[in-house]
């Protein structure tokens, strides 16, 4: 007679108090990371026209609108480039120096430079500070993702990873709330951006280096965080390149497609004759709260779906669904002339288009050994940023300036198909131990 098999653990069973604490701290870092990144998107409609008119009071309203759109996309591209550089530098430092000091440094970086944005007087000031904020943003994600993956047990790793990444929704809501609170006083919003610096005190007091990192540091020495090993070893190189391409698709479509939910809401409200005073606030609510709520559910669902289907299959299904929902949200509400229908569709749009992103926090740390984990995960996510930058600086800006908004966003949504190709060249990591 066969002995009865033990019931499988629920994912949260066996998770210690300290492991929960690490998830909270890493998630708060990512919440404020997302807040700092999204704050610009929420406030640029007031900030850029203000700076443009200050530089040249003779500009006609149409010229201000055109320049705002053009510089808005370019600064998003600059943000991606800064995130890439910061991700490369800080993720390698996290493997060499440890997770705790580098996490604290990245939080200080994005908090201080975001606060300084309150005092800008020229457009180039915005570009420089967005670049520096992005450096901290790009570095913090890689450290947090690696730390959560290393601290949590295997049976809880997927859920912990998606919870970590999904908390970015709180950052998006916080940015939307601050944007509505400050209204046209956009400088006040950036002063709020200094607050996350206080989190550094908790990080330094509570975070201990994982045992796996200490063992790797003792055994690997100067190989810790080595880009030459990451890109010189064929196994790690193929994973790094594939992961970077996967992240490029997600980041290009996030900034080119997902955040356009706000623009689609503005466009439809104008066509329906809504008062100008209502367009900005209603569209911010549509994107910042309604669409983002669906995005949060999508990111939380990536964990259980990837446990059932595997990482690659979950990514593939969500990429395909994202393309379909992009086409639906671009064309169906406008066809019926219904803003209520758009509000119903935006959560599904967010679920598919943004839900993919939680998979990066689960998947990328699983691709690399401990001595290269933050470096590899950071390389994937942040090289994806710089690969996505040309899409925003040139293609997205040109498409949105040349074609009707639904046409431009539909074309940019075609990048989701590329994700299905990239996934064919990446390994499945479901149920496997982290590489050592």
Protein backbone atom coordinates (compact mmCIF):
# COMPACT_ATOMS: atom_id res chain seq x y z
CA UNK A 1 0.00 0.00 0.00
CA UNK A 2 1.46 3.33 -1.05
CA UNK A 3 1.96 5.94 1.68
CA UNK A 4 -0.34 8.92 1.44
CA UNK A 5 1.27 11.86 -0.32
CA UNK A 6 1.63 15.06 1.66
CA UNK A 7 -0.67 17.85 0.57
CA UNK A 8 1.20 20.52 -1.39
CA UNK A 9 2.05 23.65 0.50
CA UNK A 10 0.00 26.76 -0.03
CA UNK A 11 2.36 29.34 -1.45
CA UNK A 12 2.34 31.46 1.73
CA UNK A 13 2.99 28.55 4.12
CA UNK A 14 6.48 28.47 5.57
CA UNK A 15 7.19 32.10 4.68
CA UNK A 16 8.93 33.74 7.62
CA UNK A 17 8.31 37.12 9.16
CA UNK A 18 11.63 38.40 7.82
CA UNK A 19 10.77 37.23 4.28
CA UNK A 20 7.49 39.16 4.46
CA UNK A 21 9.43 42.19 5.69
CA UNK A 22 11.77 41.99 2.70
CA UNK A 23 8.78 41.81 0.35
CA UNK A 24 7.27 44.92 1.99
CA UNK A 25 10.52 46.91 1.81
CA UNK A 26 11.32 45.89 -1.78
CA UNK A 27 7.74 46.62 -2.81
CA UNK A 28 7.75 50.08 -1.23
CA UNK A 29 10.94 50.85 -3.12
CA UNK A 30 9.20 49.82 -6.33
CA UNK A 31 6.00 51.72 -5.42
CA UNK A 32 7.95 54.95 -5.17
CA UNK A 33 10.01 53.95 -8.20
CA UNK A 34 6.79 53.75 -10.25
CA UNK A 35 5.50 56.95 -8.64
CA UNK A 36 8.59 58.91 -9.70
CA UNK A 37 8.40 57.53 -13.23
CA UNK A 38 4.68 58.18 -13.64
CA UNK A 39 4.71 61.62 -12.03
CA UNK A 40 6.10 63.08 -15.24
CA UNK A 41 3.42 61.47 -17.39
CA UNK A 42 0.72 62.87 -15.10
CA UNK A 43 2.15 66.41 -14.93
CA UNK A 44 3.73 66.96 -18.34
CA UNK A 45 0.49 68.41 -19.74
CA UNK A 46 0.92 71.36 -17.34
CA UNK A 47 4.72 71.45 -16.95
CA UNK A 48 5.84 71.49 -20.58
CA UNK A 49 3.42 74.21 -21.84
CA UNK A 50 4.37 76.31 -18.81
CA UNK A 51 8.09 76.06 -19.61
CA UNK A 52 7.54 76.56 -23.34
CA UNK A 53 5.49 79.73 -22.83
CA UNK A 54 8.06 81.03 -20.33
CA UNK A 55 10.81 80.57 -22.91
CA UNK A 56 8.80 82.14 -25.76
CA UNK A 57 5.59 84.01 -24.81
CA UNK A 58 4.83 84.62 -28.50
CA UNK A 59 4.14 80.92 -29.22
CA UNK A 60 0.67 80.27 -30.58
CA UNK A 61 -1.49 77.69 -28.73
CA UNK A 62 -1.22 75.26 -31.65
CA UNK A 63 2.57 75.53 -31.58
CA UNK A 64 2.63 74.97 -27.82
CA UNK A 65 0.47 71.85 -28.20
CA UNK A 66 2.69 70.46 -30.98
CA UNK A 67 5.92 71.15 -29.06
CA UNK A 68 4.44 69.68 -25.88
CA UNK A 69 3.62 66.46 -27.71
CA UNK A 70 7.05 66.31 -29.35
CA UNK A 71 9.10 67.07 -26.23
CA UNK A 72 6.85 64.81 -24.17
CA UNK A 73 7.81 61.77 -26.24
CA UNK A 74 11.48 62.77 -26.36
CA UNK A 75 11.71 63.08 -22.58
CA UNK A 76 10.16 59.63 -22.26
CA UNK A 77 12.94 58.35 -24.51
CA UNK A 78 15.55 60.15 -22.39
CA UNK A 79 14.02 58.52 -19.30
CA UNK A 80 14.47 55.09 -20.85
CA UNK A 81 18.12 55.81 -21.71
CA UNK A 82 18.84 57.02 -18.17
CA UNK A 83 17.13 53.94 -16.76
CA UNK A 84 19.33 51.74 -18.90
CA UNK A 85 22.56 53.33 -17.69
CA UNK A 86 21.43 53.29 -14.06
CA UNK A 87 20.24 49.71 -14.36
CA UNK A 88 23.54 48.54 -15.77
CA UNK A 89 25.65 50.38 -13.17
CA UNK A 90 23.58 49.78 -10.05
CA UNK A 91 22.70 46.14 -10.79
CA UNK A 92 26.37 45.26 -11.19
CA UNK A 93 27.13 47.18 -7.98
CA UNK A 94 24.40 45.18 -6.19
CA UNK A 95 26.16 41.91 -7.09
CA UNK A 96 29.56 43.32 -6.08
CA UNK A 97 28.71 45.38 -2.97
CA UNK A 98 25.48 43.77 -1.75
CA UNK A 99 21.75 44.30 -2.10
CA UNK A 100 21.16 46.61 0.90
CA UNK A 101 23.58 49.50 0.22
CA UNK A 102 22.74 49.70 -3.46
CA UNK A 103 18.99 49.62 -2.84
CA UNK A 104 19.40 52.56 -0.44
CA UNK A 105 21.53 54.44 -2.97
CA UNK A 106 19.04 54.02 -5.82
CA UNK A 107 16.14 55.25 -3.68
CA UNK A 108 18.12 58.35 -2.72
CA UNK A 109 18.96 58.91 -6.38
CA UNK A 110 15.42 58.97 -7.70
CA UNK A 111 14.01 60.86 -4.68
CA UNK A 112 16.48 63.75 -4.67
CA UNK A 113 16.53 64.37 -8.41
CA UNK A 114 12.74 64.17 -8.62
CA UNK A 115 12.50 66.81 -5.90
CA UNK A 116 14.90 69.09 -7.78
CA UNK A 117 12.51 69.01 -10.76
CA UNK A 118 10.28 71.39 -8.79
CA UNK A 119 12.84 74.13 -9.43
CA UNK A 120 13.41 73.75 -13.20
CA UNK A 121 13.14 76.84 -15.40
CA UNK A 122 14.14 75.48 -18.83
CA UNK A 123 13.38 72.40 -20.89
CA UNK A 124 16.93 71.07 -20.77
CA UNK A 125 16.70 71.03 -16.96
CA UNK A 126 13.79 68.60 -17.29
CA UNK A 127 15.78 66.36 -19.63
CA UNK A 128 18.81 66.19 -17.32
CA UNK A 129 16.77 65.52 -14.18
CA UNK A 130 14.54 62.92 -15.85
CA UNK A 131 17.73 61.15 -16.94
CA UNK A 132 19.07 61.12 -13.36
CA UNK A 133 15.74 60.07 -11.83
CA UNK A 134 15.65 57.23 -14.35
CA UNK A 135 19.10 56.03 -13.27
CA UNK A 136 17.79 55.43 -9.77
CA UNK A 137 14.54 53.93 -11.06
CA UNK A 138 16.38 51.50 -13.35
CA UNK A 139 18.77 50.37 -10.63
CA UNK A 140 16.18 49.87 -7.87
CA UNK A 141 14.06 47.38 -9.79
CA UNK A 142 16.93 44.96 -10.44
CA UNK A 143 18.04 44.99 -6.79
CA UNK A 144 14.50 44.49 -5.47
CA UNK A 145 13.68 41.68 -7.91
CA UNK A 146 16.92 39.83 -7.13
CA UNK A 147 16.46 40.24 -3.37
CA UNK A 148 12.89 38.89 -3.37
CA UNK A 149 13.86 35.92 -5.57
CA UNK A 150 16.79 35.00 -3.30
CA UNK A 151 15.02 35.40 0.04
CA UNK A 152 11.75 33.59 -0.71
CA UNK A 153 11.49 29.76 -0.89
CA UNK A 154 10.97 28.14 -4.28
CA UNK A 155 7.27 27.34 -3.77
CA UNK A 156 6.52 31.02 -2.98
CA UNK A 157 8.89 32.69 -5.42
CA UNK A 158 6.41 33.28 -8.27
CA UNK A 159 3.76 34.85 -6.03
CA UNK A 160 6.28 36.99 -4.15
CA UNK A 161 7.77 38.20 -7.44
CA UNK A 162 4.43 39.27 -8.90
CA UNK A 163 3.34 40.92 -5.64
CA UNK A 164 6.60 42.88 -5.70
CA UNK A 165 6.08 44.07 -9.27
CA UNK A 166 2.31 44.55 -8.95
CA UNK A 167 2.74 47.11 -6.20
CA UNK A 168 3.80 49.51 -8.95
CA UNK A 169 0.05 50.07 -9.35
CA UNK A 170 0.05 51.80 -5.96
CA UNK A 171 2.77 54.10 -7.29
CA UNK A 172 0.68 54.87 -10.38
CA UNK A 173 -2.38 55.60 -8.21
CA UNK A 174 -0.29 57.77 -5.91
CA UNK A 175 1.04 59.75 -8.91
CA UNK A 176 -2.49 60.14 -10.30
CA UNK A 177 -3.77 61.28 -6.91
CA UNK A 178 -0.97 63.80 -6.49
CA UNK A 179 -1.56 65.04 -10.05
CA UNK A 180 -5.24 65.65 -9.34
CA UNK A 181 -4.44 67.24 -5.98
CA UNK A 182 -1.90 69.75 -7.31
CA UNK A 183 -3.77 70.51 -10.55
CA UNK A 184 -1.82 73.09 -12.55
CA UNK A 185 0.69 73.54 -9.67
CA UNK A 186 2.95 70.85 -11.04
CA UNK A 187 6.02 71.96 -9.06
CA UNK A 188 4.33 70.86 -5.82
CA UNK A 189 3.98 67.33 -7.19
CA UNK A 190 7.75 67.01 -7.58
CA UNK A 191 8.37 68.24 -4.04
CA UNK A 192 6.30 65.27 -2.88
CA UNK A 193 8.82 63.14 -4.81
CA UNK A 194 11.42 63.73 -2.08
CA UNK A 195 9.41 61.74 0.50
CA UNK A 196 10.65 58.25 -0.59
CA UNK A 197 14.14 59.18 0.63
CA UNK A 198 12.87 58.41 4.15
CA UNK A 199 12.56 54.75 3.13
CA UNK A 200 16.36 54.53 3.08
CA UNK A 201 16.45 54.57 6.89
CA UNK A 202 14.24 51.46 7.03
CA UNK A 203 16.29 49.71 4.35
CA UNK A 204 19.54 50.24 6.24
CA UNK A 205 18.00 49.12 9.54
CA UNK A 206 16.15 46.02 8.33
CA UNK A 207 17.73 44.43 5.24
CA UNK A 208 20.40 41.74 5.64
CA UNK A 209 22.37 40.34 2.76
CA UNK A 210 20.97 36.95 1.61
CA UNK A 211 23.05 33.89 2.56
CA UNK A 212 23.23 32.90 -1.11
CA UNK A 213 24.86 36.26 -1.93
CA UNK A 214 27.38 35.90 0.93
CA UNK A 215 28.33 32.40 -0.27
CA UNK A 216 28.65 33.58 -3.86
CA UNK A 217 30.77 36.54 -2.76
CA UNK A 218 33.14 34.24 -0.88
CA UNK A 219 33.39 31.76 -3.77
CA UNK A 220 33.32 34.02 -6.85
CA UNK A 221 35.26 37.08 -5.65
CA UNK A 222 35.90 39.47 -8.53
CA UNK A 223 33.51 37.53 -10.79
CA UNK A 224 30.58 39.05 -8.91
CA UNK A 225 28.55 41.29 -11.21
CA UNK A 226 30.89 40.67 -14.14
CA UNK A 227 29.50 41.89 -17.46
CA UNK A 228 32.31 40.06 -19.25
CA UNK A 229 31.09 36.77 -17.81
CA UNK A 230 27.43 37.62 -18.39
CA UNK A 231 28.03 38.36 -22.06
CA UNK A 232 31.02 36.05 -22.58
CA UNK A 233 29.38 32.83 -21.41
CA UNK A 234 27.11 31.56 -24.24
CA UNK A 235 24.48 30.28 -21.80
CA UNK A 236 24.09 33.54 -19.92
CA UNK A 237 24.55 35.70 -23.04
CA UNK A 238 21.66 34.10 -24.92
CA UNK A 239 19.39 34.54 -21.90
CA UNK A 240 20.48 38.15 -21.40
CA UNK A 241 19.83 39.08 -25.04
CA UNK A 242 16.49 37.26 -25.16
CA UNK A 243 15.39 38.83 -21.87
CA UNK A 244 16.40 42.29 -23.09
CA UNK A 245 14.34 41.90 -26.26
CA UNK A 246 11.35 40.70 -24.23
CA UNK A 247 11.66 43.72 -21.92
CA UNK A 248 12.06 46.06 -24.90
CA UNK A 249 8.68 44.96 -26.21
CA UNK A 250 7.02 45.45 -22.83
CA UNK A 251 8.58 48.85 -22.19
CA UNK A 252 8.04 50.19 -25.71
CA UNK A 253 4.39 49.17 -25.57
CA UNK A 254 3.95 50.49 -22.03
CA UNK A 255 5.13 54.01 -22.88
CA UNK A 256 3.86 53.97 -26.46
CA UNK A 257 0.58 52.07 -25.98
CA UNK A 258 -0.46 51.60 -22.34
CA UNK A 259 -0.04 55.21 -21.20
CA UNK A 260 -1.95 56.25 -24.32
CA UNK A 261 -5.08 55.12 -22.49
CA UNK A 262 -5.12 58.65 -21.08
CA UNK A 263 -4.70 60.14 -24.57
CA UNK A 264 -7.48 57.95 -25.99
CA UNK A 265 -9.78 59.14 -23.21
CA UNK A 266 -8.88 62.80 -23.96
CA UNK A 267 -9.41 62.28 -27.68
CA UNK A 268 -12.82 60.65 -27.26
CA UNK A 269 -14.01 63.24 -24.72
CA UNK A 270 -13.10 66.07 -27.10
CA UNK A 271 -14.90 64.39 -29.99
CA UNK A 272 -17.95 63.96 -27.77
CA UNK A 273 -17.90 67.68 -26.95
CA UNK A 274 -16.92 67.49 -23.28
CA UNK A 275 -15.98 70.85 -21.72
CA UNK A 276 -12.25 71.52 -21.90
CA UNK A 277 -12.04 71.91 -18.13
CA UNK A 278 -13.28 68.32 -17.65
CA UNK A 279 -11.14 66.61 -20.28
CA UNK A 280 -7.85 66.64 -18.33
CA UNK A 281 -9.27 65.50 -14.97
CA UNK A 282 -11.59 62.81 -16.41
CA UNK A 283 -8.85 61.35 -18.61
CA UNK A 284 -6.42 61.23 -15.67
CA UNK A 285 -8.99 59.28 -13.67
CA UNK A 286 -9.64 56.96 -16.63
CA UNK A 287 -5.97 56.06 -16.96
CA UNK A 288 -4.59 56.65 -13.49
CA UNK A 289 -7.27 54.75 -11.59
CA UNK A 290 -9.60 52.74 -13.84
CA UNK A 291 -7.08 51.33 -16.34
CA UNK A 292 -4.45 50.92 -13.65
CA UNK A 293 -6.83 48.87 -11.49
CA UNK A 294 -7.07 46.34 -14.31
CA UNK A 295 -3.30 46.45 -14.70
CA UNK A 296 -2.87 45.58 -11.04
CA UNK A 297 -5.13 42.54 -11.34
CA UNK A 298 -3.27 41.45 -14.48
CA UNK A 299 0.09 41.67 -12.74
CA UNK A 300 -1.16 39.77 -9.70
CA UNK A 301 -2.56 37.03 -11.94
CA UNK A 302 0.74 36.45 -13.74
CA UNK A 303 2.03 34.47 -10.74
CA UNK A 304 -0.72 31.83 -10.47
CA UNK A 305 -1.02 31.63 -14.26
CA UNK A 306 2.72 31.02 -14.63
CA UNK A 307 2.55 28.30 -11.95
CA UNK A 308 -0.17 26.55 -13.97
CA UNK A 309 1.02 27.21 -17.54
CA UNK A 310 4.72 27.99 -17.19
CA UNK A 311 6.49 31.28 -17.76
CA UNK A 312 6.78 31.20 -21.56
CA UNK A 313 3.20 30.15 -22.25
CA UNK A 314 1.82 32.79 -19.88
CA UNK A 315 3.89 35.48 -21.58
CA UNK A 316 2.72 34.28 -25.01
CA UNK A 317 -0.98 34.29 -24.13
CA UNK A 318 -0.78 37.73 -22.56
CA UNK A 319 1.11 39.19 -25.54
CA UNK A 320 -1.56 37.90 -27.92
CA UNK A 321 -4.38 39.17 -25.70
CA UNK A 322 -2.64 42.56 -25.41
CA UNK A 323 -2.63 43.00 -29.19
CA UNK A 324 -6.33 42.16 -29.41
CA UNK A 325 -7.28 44.53 -26.58
CA UNK A 326 -5.17 47.33 -28.09
CA UNK A 327 -7.18 47.14 -31.30
CA UNK A 328 -10.47 46.90 -29.41
CA UNK A 329 -9.85 49.89 -27.14
CA UNK A 330 -8.59 52.02 -30.03
CA UNK A 331 -11.57 51.49 -32.31
CA UNK A 332 -14.69 50.13 -30.60
CA UNK A 333 -15.55 53.01 -28.19
CA UNK A 334 -14.97 55.58 -30.95
CA UNK A 335 -17.17 53.62 -33.37
CA UNK A 336 -20.06 53.63 -30.89
CA UNK A 337 -19.26 57.12 -29.57
CA UNK A 338 -19.40 55.84 -26.01
CA UNK A 339 -17.09 57.06 -23.27
CA UNK A 340 -18.79 54.66 -20.82
CA UNK A 341 -17.76 51.77 -23.07
CA UNK A 342 -14.16 53.02 -23.07
CA UNK A 343 -14.19 53.05 -19.26
CA UNK A 344 -15.44 49.46 -19.26
CA UNK A 345 -12.71 48.35 -21.67
CA UNK A 346 -9.75 50.16 -20.09
CA UNK A 347 -9.38 47.69 -17.15
CA UNK A 348 -9.22 44.76 -19.60
CA UNK A 349 -6.74 46.73 -21.69
CA UNK A 350 -4.60 47.38 -18.61
CA UNK A 351 -4.87 43.72 -17.53
CA UNK A 352 -3.38 42.47 -20.80
CA UNK A 353 -0.97 45.25 -21.76
CA UNK A 354 0.53 45.87 -18.31
CA UNK A 355 0.02 42.45 -16.71
CA UNK A 356 2.99 41.17 -18.73
CA UNK A 357 5.37 43.32 -16.69
CA UNK A 358 5.02 41.33 -13.47
CA UNK A 359 6.50 38.38 -15.33
CA UNK A 360 9.85 40.15 -15.61
CA UNK A 361 10.28 40.18 -11.81
CA UNK A 362 9.55 36.44 -11.74
CA UNK A 363 11.40 35.33 -14.86
CA UNK A 364 14.56 37.41 -15.18
CA UNK A 365 16.08 36.52 -11.75
CA UNK A 366 15.45 32.83 -12.56
CA UNK A 367 17.64 33.01 -15.67
CA UNK A 368 20.96 33.79 -13.94
CA UNK A 369 23.23 32.47 -11.14
CA UNK A 370 23.58 34.28 -7.81
CA UNK A 371 26.82 36.09 -8.68
CA UNK A 372 25.17 37.50 -11.83
CA UNK A 373 21.52 37.63 -10.73
CA UNK A 374 21.06 41.38 -10.22
CA UNK A 375 23.41 42.10 -13.13
CA UNK A 376 21.53 39.76 -15.47
CA UNK A 377 18.05 40.85 -14.39
CA UNK A 378 19.11 44.49 -14.58
CA UNK A 379 20.69 43.97 -17.99
CA UNK A 380 17.49 42.41 -19.34
CA UNK A 381 15.10 45.03 -17.96
CA UNK A 382 17.26 48.06 -18.57
CA UNK A 383 18.75 47.13 -21.93
CA UNK A 384 15.11 46.75 -22.86
CA UNK A 385 14.73 50.42 -21.95
CA UNK A 386 17.42 51.64 -24.33
CA UNK A 387 16.15 49.40 -27.12
CA UNK A 388 12.68 50.87 -26.54
CA UNK A 389 13.94 54.47 -26.55
CA UNK A 390 14.14 54.85 -30.38
CA UNK A 391 10.55 53.60 -30.57
CA UNK A 392 9.47 56.54 -28.43
CA UNK A 393 11.88 59.23 -29.63
CA UNK A 394 11.23 58.64 -33.31
CA UNK A 395 8.55 56.10 -34.19
CA UNK A 396 5.97 56.84 -31.48
CA UNK A 397 6.40 60.63 -31.69
CA UNK A 398 6.24 60.56 -35.49
CA UNK A 399 3.25 58.19 -35.64
CA UNK A 400 1.22 60.20 -33.12
CA UNK A 401 2.05 63.49 -34.88
CA UNK A 402 1.28 62.17 -38.37
CA UNK A 403 -1.70 59.83 -37.98
CA UNK A 404 -4.92 59.74 -36.02
CA UNK A 405 -4.28 58.52 -32.47
CA UNK A 406 -6.10 55.15 -32.85
CA UNK A 407 -4.09 54.38 -36.00
CA UNK A 408 -0.77 55.22 -34.34
CA UNK A 409 -1.47 53.18 -31.20
CA UNK A 410 -2.74 50.21 -33.23
CA UNK A 411 0.50 50.13 -35.24
CA UNK A 412 2.62 50.37 -32.08
CA UNK A 413 0.59 47.51 -30.62
CA UNK A 414 2.05 45.32 -33.38
CA UNK A 415 5.19 45.01 -31.21
CA UNK A 416 3.31 42.43 -29.12
CA UNK A 417 3.63 40.00 -32.04
CA UNK A 418 7.41 40.29 -31.83
CA UNK A 419 7.21 38.99 -28.27
CA UNK A 420 5.85 35.67 -29.53
CA UNK A 421 8.96 35.26 -31.68
CA UNK A 422 11.41 36.14 -28.90
CA UNK A 423 9.82 33.65 -26.49
CA UNK A 424 10.71 30.75 -28.78
CA UNK A 425 14.42 31.31 -27.99
CA UNK A 426 14.12 31.53 -24.18
CA UNK A 427 14.09 28.63 -21.68
CA UNK A 428 11.26 27.55 -19.38
CA UNK A 429 12.13 27.97 -15.67
CA UNK A 430 8.92 26.78 -14.01
CA UNK A 431 9.60 24.62 -10.93
CA UNK A 432 13.39 24.84 -11.22
CA UNK A 433 15.91 25.88 -8.57
CA UNK A 434 17.67 29.20 -9.12
CA UNK A 435 20.92 28.70 -11.09
CA UNK A 436 24.10 28.72 -8.99
